[in-house]
PDB file of all heavy atoms in Angstrom:
ATOM      1  N   GLU A   1      18.209 -16.189 -17.574  1.00  0.00           N
ATOM      2  CA  GLU A   1      17.521 -16.860 -16.487  1.00  0.00           C
ATOM      3  C   GLU A   1      18.414 -16.924 -15.240  1.00  0.00           C
ATOM      4  O   GLU A   1      19.557 -17.332 -15.297  1.00  0.00           O
ATOM      5  CB  GLU A   1      17.123 -18.283 -16.891  1.00  0.00           C
ATOM      6  CG  GLU A   1      16.071 -18.344 -17.994  1.00  0.00           C
ATOM      7  CD  GLU A   1      16.637 -18.169 -19.395  1.00  0.00           C
ATOM      8  OE1 GLU A   1      17.899 -18.136 -19.524  1.00  0.00           O
ATOM      9  OE2 GLU A   1      15.856 -18.045 -20.352  1.00  0.00           O
ATOM     10  N   GLY A   2      17.856 -16.532 -14.121  1.00  0.00           N
ATOM     11  CA  GLY A   2      18.597 -16.549 -12.876  1.00  0.00           C
ATOM     12  C   GLY A   2      19.491 -15.345 -12.671  1.00  0.00           C
ATOM     13  O   GLY A   2      20.084 -15.182 -11.598  1.00  0.00           O
ATOM     14  N   LEU A   3      19.612 -14.492 -13.665  1.00  0.00           N
ATOM     15  CA  LEU A   3      20.485 -13.329 -13.579  1.00  0.00           C
ATOM     16  C   LEU A   3      19.707 -12.023 -13.585  1.00  0.00           C
ATOM     17  O   LEU A   3      19.993 -11.105 -12.806  1.00  0.00           O
ATOM     18  CB  LEU A   3      21.481 -13.350 -14.739  1.00  0.00           C
ATOM     19  CG  LEU A   3      22.528 -12.241 -14.785  1.00  0.00           C
ATOM     20  CD1 LEU A   3      23.424 -12.311 -13.551  1.00  0.00           C
ATOM     21  CD2 LEU A   3      23.374 -12.360 -16.048  1.00  0.00           C
ATOM     22  N   VAL A   4      18.707 -11.938 -14.461  1.00  0.00           N
ATOM     23  CA  VAL A   4      17.998 -10.671 -14.647  1.00  0.00           C
ATOM     24  C   VAL A   4      17.188 -10.292 -13.413  1.00  0.00           C
ATOM     25  O   VAL A   4      17.160  -9.121 -13.012  1.00  0.00           O
ATOM     26  CB  VAL A   4      17.114 -10.734 -15.905  1.00  0.00           C
ATOM     27  CG1 VAL A   4      16.209  -9.508 -15.986  1.00  0.00           C
ATOM     28  CG2 VAL A   4      17.981 -10.820 -17.156  1.00  0.00           C
ATOM     29  N   ALA A   5      16.524 -11.251 -12.775  1.00  0.00           N
ATOM     30  CA  ALA A   5      15.675 -10.921 -11.625  1.00  0.00           C
ATOM     31  C   ALA A   5      16.470 -10.276 -10.486  1.00  0.00           C
ATOM     32  O   ALA A   5      16.071  -9.214  -9.982  1.00  0.00           O
ATOM     33  CB  ALA A   5      14.929 -12.166 -11.142  1.00  0.00           C
ATOM     34  N   PRO A   6      17.599 -10.855 -10.033  1.00  0.00           N
ATOM     35  CA  PRO A   6      18.361 -10.171  -8.985  1.00  0.00           C
ATOM     36  C   PRO A   6      19.009  -8.875  -9.456  1.00  0.00           C
ATOM     37  O   PRO A   6      19.192  -7.945  -8.663  1.00  0.00           O
ATOM     38  CB  PRO A   6      19.413 -11.202  -8.569  1.00  0.00           C
ATOM     39  CG  PRO A   6      19.487 -12.179  -9.691  1.00  0.00           C
ATOM     40  CD  PRO A   6      18.122 -12.201 -10.300  1.00  0.00           C
ATOM     41  N   LEU A   7      19.332  -8.789 -10.734  1.00  0.00           N
ATOM     42  CA  LEU A   7      19.884  -7.543 -11.261  1.00  0.00           C
ATOM     43  C   LEU A   7      18.827  -6.432 -11.196  1.00  0.00           C
ATOM     44  O   LEU A   7      19.107  -5.306 -10.769  1.00  0.00           O
ATOM     45  CB  LEU A   7      20.367  -7.771 -12.704  1.00  0.00           C
ATOM     46  CG  LEU A   7      21.318  -6.743 -13.299  1.00  0.00           C
ATOM     47  CD1 LEU A   7      22.108  -7.382 -14.435  1.00  0.00           C
ATOM     48  CD2 LEU A   7      20.583  -5.537 -13.846  1.00  0.00           C
ATOM     49  N   ARG A   8      17.601  -6.777 -11.596  1.00  0.00           N
ATOM     50  CA  ARG A   8      16.495  -5.810 -11.500  1.00  0.00           C
ATOM     51  C   ARG A   8      16.259  -5.400 -10.053  1.00  0.00           C
ATOM     52  O   ARG A   8      16.076  -4.219  -9.752  1.00  0.00           O
ATOM     53  CB  ARG A   8      15.212  -6.424 -12.059  1.00  0.00           C
ATOM     54  CG  ARG A   8      15.150  -6.542 -13.564  1.00  0.00           C
ATOM     55  CD  ARG A   8      13.877  -7.295 -13.972  1.00  0.00           C
ATOM     56  NE  ARG A   8      12.707  -6.611 -13.455  1.00  0.00           N
ATOM     57  CZ  ARG A   8      12.021  -5.680 -14.119  1.00  0.00           C
ATOM     58  NH1 ARG A   8      12.390  -5.358 -15.333  1.00  0.00           N
ATOM     59  NH2 ARG A   8      10.971  -5.106 -13.583  1.00  0.00           N
ATOM     60  N   ALA A   9      16.254  -6.374  -9.145  1.00  0.00           N
ATOM     61  CA  ALA A   9      16.013  -6.077  -7.734  1.00  0.00           C
ATOM     62  C   ALA A   9      17.063  -5.124  -7.178  1.00  0.00           C
ATOM     63  O   ALA A   9      16.767  -4.288  -6.316  1.00  0.00           O
ATOM     64  CB  ALA A   9      15.996  -7.372  -6.929  1.00  0.00           C
ATOM     65  N   ALA A  10      18.293  -5.246  -7.669  1.00  0.00           N
ATOM     66  CA  ALA A  10      19.367  -4.369  -7.207  1.00  0.00           C
ATOM     67  C   ALA A  10      19.243  -2.962  -7.765  1.00  0.00           C
ATOM     68  O   ALA A  10      19.684  -1.991  -7.122  1.00  0.00           O
ATOM     69  CB  ALA A  10      20.725  -4.960  -7.585  1.00  0.00           C
ATOM     70  N   LEU A  11      18.652  -2.800  -8.943  1.00  0.00           N
ATOM     71  CA  LEU A  11      18.619  -1.504  -9.613  1.00  0.00           C
ATOM     72  C   LEU A  11      17.291  -0.764  -9.497  1.00  0.00           C
ATOM     73  O   LEU A  11      17.264   0.463  -9.615  1.00  0.00           O
ATOM     74  CB  LEU A  11      18.966  -1.679 -11.097  1.00  0.00           C
ATOM     75  CG  LEU A  11      20.444  -1.913 -11.370  1.00  0.00           C
ATOM     76  CD1 LEU A  11      20.658  -2.399 -12.796  1.00  0.00           C
ATOM     77  CD2 LEU A  11      21.244  -0.630 -11.125  1.00  0.00           C
ATOM     78  N   GLU A  12      16.194  -1.467  -9.295  1.00  0.00           N
ATOM     79  CA  GLU A  12      14.893  -0.792  -9.276  1.00  0.00           C
ATOM     80  C   GLU A  12      14.778   0.271  -8.177  1.00  0.00           C
ATOM     81  O   GLU A  12      14.160   1.316  -8.413  1.00  0.00           O
ATOM     82  CB  GLU A  12      13.775  -1.821  -9.175  1.00  0.00           C
ATOM     83  CG  GLU A  12      13.513  -2.505 -10.524  1.00  0.00           C
ATOM     84  CD  GLU A  12      12.452  -3.584 -10.458  1.00  0.00           C
ATOM     85  OE1 GLU A  12      12.202  -4.109  -9.351  1.00  0.00           O
ATOM     86  OE2 GLU A  12      11.887  -3.892 -11.523  1.00  0.00           O
ATOM     87  N   PRO A  13      15.357   0.077  -6.981  1.00  0.00           N
ATOM     88  CA  PRO A  13      15.308   1.172  -5.996  1.00  0.00           C
ATOM     89  C   PRO A  13      15.991   2.446  -6.493  1.00  0.00           C
ATOM     90  O   PRO A  13      15.493   3.555  -6.264  1.00  0.00           O
ATOM     91  CB  PRO A  13      16.031   0.588  -4.782  1.00  0.00           C
ATOM     92  CG  PRO A  13      15.846  -0.879  -4.904  1.00  0.00           C
ATOM     93  CD  PRO A  13      15.917  -1.160  -6.381  1.00  0.00           C
ATOM     94  N   ALA A  14      17.117   2.307  -7.177  1.00  0.00           N
ATOM     95  CA  ALA A  14      17.807   3.481  -7.712  1.00  0.00           C
ATOM     96  C   ALA A  14      16.985   4.151  -8.800  1.00  0.00           C
ATOM     97  O   ALA A  14      16.946   5.392  -8.891  1.00  0.00           O
ATOM     98  CB  ALA A  14      19.175   3.078  -8.254  1.00  0.00           C
ATOM     99  N   VAL A  15      16.304   3.350  -9.618  1.00  0.00           N
ATOM    100  CA  VAL A  15      15.436   3.926 -10.645  1.00  0.00           C
ATOM    101  C   VAL A  15      14.276   4.663  -9.991  1.00  0.00           C
ATOM    102  O   VAL A  15      13.910   5.783 -10.397  1.00  0.00           O
ATOM    103  CB  VAL A  15      14.928   2.820 -11.595  1.00  0.00           C
ATOM    104  CG1 VAL A  15      13.894   3.384 -12.567  1.00  0.00           C
ATOM    105  CG2 VAL A  15      16.097   2.209 -12.368  1.00  0.00           C
ATOM    106  N   ALA A  16      13.680   4.067  -8.957  1.00  0.00           N
ATOM    107  CA  ALA A  16      12.565   4.706  -8.255  1.00  0.00           C
ATOM    108  C   ALA A  16      12.998   6.015  -7.595  1.00  0.00           C
ATOM    109  O   ALA A  16      12.222   6.976  -7.536  1.00  0.00           O
ATOM    110  CB  ALA A  16      11.997   3.749  -7.214  1.00  0.00           C
ATOM    111  N   GLN A  17      14.227   6.059  -7.097  1.00  0.00           N
ATOM    112  CA  GLN A  17      14.739   7.265  -6.444  1.00  0.00           C
ATOM    113  C   GLN A  17      15.336   8.259  -7.438  1.00  0.00           C
ATOM    114  O   GLN A  17      15.833   9.314  -7.043  1.00  0.00           O
ATOM    115  CB  GLN A  17      15.797   6.869  -5.416  1.00  0.00           C
ATOM    116  CG  GLN A  17      15.253   6.047  -4.259  1.00  0.00           C
ATOM    117  CD  GLN A  17      16.344   5.368  -3.450  1.00  0.00           C
ATOM    118  OE1 GLN A  17      17.521   5.700  -3.577  1.00  0.00           O
ATOM    119  NE2 GLN A  17      15.961   4.400  -2.623  1.00  0.00           N
ATOM    120  N   GLU A  18      15.302   7.882  -8.719  1.00  0.00           N
ATOM    121  CA  GLU A  18      15.780   8.728  -9.819  1.00  0.00           C
ATOM    122  C   GLU A  18      17.273   9.031  -9.733  1.00  0.00           C
ATOM    123  O   GLU A  18      17.739  10.041 -10.234  1.00  0.00           O
ATOM    124  CB  GLU A  18      14.963  10.019  -9.894  1.00  0.00           C
ATOM    125  CG  GLU A  18      13.479   9.773 -10.161  1.00  0.00           C
ATOM    126  CD  GLU A  18      12.682  11.056 -10.328  1.00  0.00           C
ATOM    127  OE1 GLU A  18      13.228  12.148 -10.046  1.00  0.00           O
ATOM    128  OE2 GLU A  18      11.513  10.966 -10.746  1.00  0.00           O
ATOM    129  N   THR A  19      18.028   8.121  -9.090  1.00  0.00           N
ATOM    130  CA  THR A  19      19.483   8.231  -9.164  1.00  0.00           C
ATOM    131  C   THR A  19      20.037   7.432 -10.334  1.00  0.00           C
ATOM    132  O   THR A  19      21.227   7.519 -10.648  1.00  0.00           O
ATOM    133  CB  THR A  19      20.128   7.730  -7.857  1.00  0.00           C
ATOM    134  OG1 THR A  19      19.732   6.374  -7.618  1.00  0.00           O
ATOM    135  CG2 THR A  19      19.691   8.599  -6.680  1.00  0.00           C
ATOM    136  N   CYS A  20      19.168   6.635 -10.964  1.00  0.00           N
ATOM    137  CA  CYS A  20      19.493   5.889 -12.172  1.00  0.00           C
ATOM    138  C   CYS A  20      18.273   5.970 -13.087  1.00  0.00           C
ATOM    139  O   CYS A  20      17.142   5.773 -12.610  1.00  0.00           O
ATOM    140  CB  CYS A  20      19.811   4.434 -11.838  1.00  0.00           C
ATOM    141  SG  CYS A  20      20.141   3.355 -13.274  1.00  0.00           S
ATOM    142  N   PRO A  21      18.434   6.280 -14.355  1.00  0.00           N
ATOM    143  CA  PRO A  21      17.273   6.361 -15.239  1.00  0.00           C
ATOM    144  C   PRO A  21      16.723   4.976 -15.569  1.00  0.00           C
ATOM    145  O   PRO A  21      17.436   3.970 -15.486  1.00  0.00           O
ATOM    146  CB  PRO A  21      17.843   7.020 -16.496  1.00  0.00           C
ATOM    147  CG  PRO A  21      19.273   6.606 -16.514  1.00  0.00           C
ATOM    148  CD  PRO A  21      19.695   6.565 -15.069  1.00  0.00           C
ATOM    149  N   ALA A  22      15.441   4.921 -15.916  1.00  0.00           N
ATOM    150  CA  ALA A  22      14.889   3.684 -16.468  1.00  0.00           C
ATOM    151  C   ALA A  22      15.659   3.337 -17.740  1.00  0.00           C
ATOM    152  O   ALA A  22      16.124   4.224 -18.465  1.00  0.00           O
ATOM    153  CB  ALA A  22      13.416   3.865 -16.774  1.00  0.00           C
ATOM    154  N   PHE A  23      15.807   2.043 -18.012  1.00  0.00           N
ATOM    155  CA  PHE A  23      16.561   1.635 -19.194  1.00  0.00           C
ATOM    156  C   PHE A  23      16.049   0.301 -19.700  1.00  0.00           C
ATOM    157  O   PHE A  23      15.392  -0.452 -18.973  1.00  0.00           O
ATOM    158  CB  PHE A  23      18.064   1.550 -18.887  1.00  0.00           C
ATOM    159  CG  PHE A  23      18.441   0.496 -17.881  1.00  0.00           C
ATOM    160  CD1 PHE A  23      18.841  -0.777 -18.278  1.00  0.00           C
ATOM    161  CD2 PHE A  23      18.395   0.767 -16.519  1.00  0.00           C
ATOM    162  CE1 PHE A  23      19.187  -1.751 -17.357  1.00  0.00           C
ATOM    163  CE2 PHE A  23      18.751  -0.198 -15.580  1.00  0.00           C
ATOM    164  CZ  PHE A  23      19.147  -1.456 -15.996  1.00  0.00           C
ATOM    165  N   LEU A  24      16.354   0.014 -20.954  1.00  0.00           N
ATOM    166  CA  LEU A  24      16.033  -1.279 -21.537  1.00  0.00           C
ATOM    167  C   LEU A  24      17.247  -2.176 -21.406  1.00  0.00           C
ATOM    168  O   LEU A  24      18.352  -1.819 -21.828  1.00  0.00           O
ATOM    169  CB  LEU A  24      15.640  -1.136 -23.003  1.00  0.00           C
ATOM    170  CG  LEU A  24      15.100  -2.418 -23.655  1.00  0.00           C
ATOM    171  CD1 LEU A  24      13.730  -2.769 -23.089  1.00  0.00           C
ATOM    172  CD2 LEU A  24      15.032  -2.278 -25.176  1.00  0.00           C
ATOM    173  N   LEU A  25      17.036  -3.342 -20.819  1.00  0.00           N
ATOM    174  CA  LEU A  25      18.080  -4.353 -20.673  1.00  0.00           C
ATOM    175  C   LEU A  25      17.849  -5.419 -21.738  1.00  0.00           C
ATOM    176  O   LEU A  25      16.734  -5.919 -21.883  1.00  0.00           O
ATOM    177  CB  LEU A  25      18.007  -4.973 -19.277  1.00  0.00           C
ATOM    178  CG  LEU A  25      19.053  -6.023 -18.917  1.00  0.00           C
ATOM    179  CD1 LEU A  25      20.439  -5.409 -18.846  1.00  0.00           C
ATOM    180  CD2 LEU A  25      18.693  -6.685 -17.583  1.00  0.00           C
TER     181      LEU A  25
END
């Protein structure tokens, strides 16, 4: 709680741009 949401927000653009693969956290 309080950690995953900003972590996702930081990584989802990279996943969308395919510079980082989708992953299970």
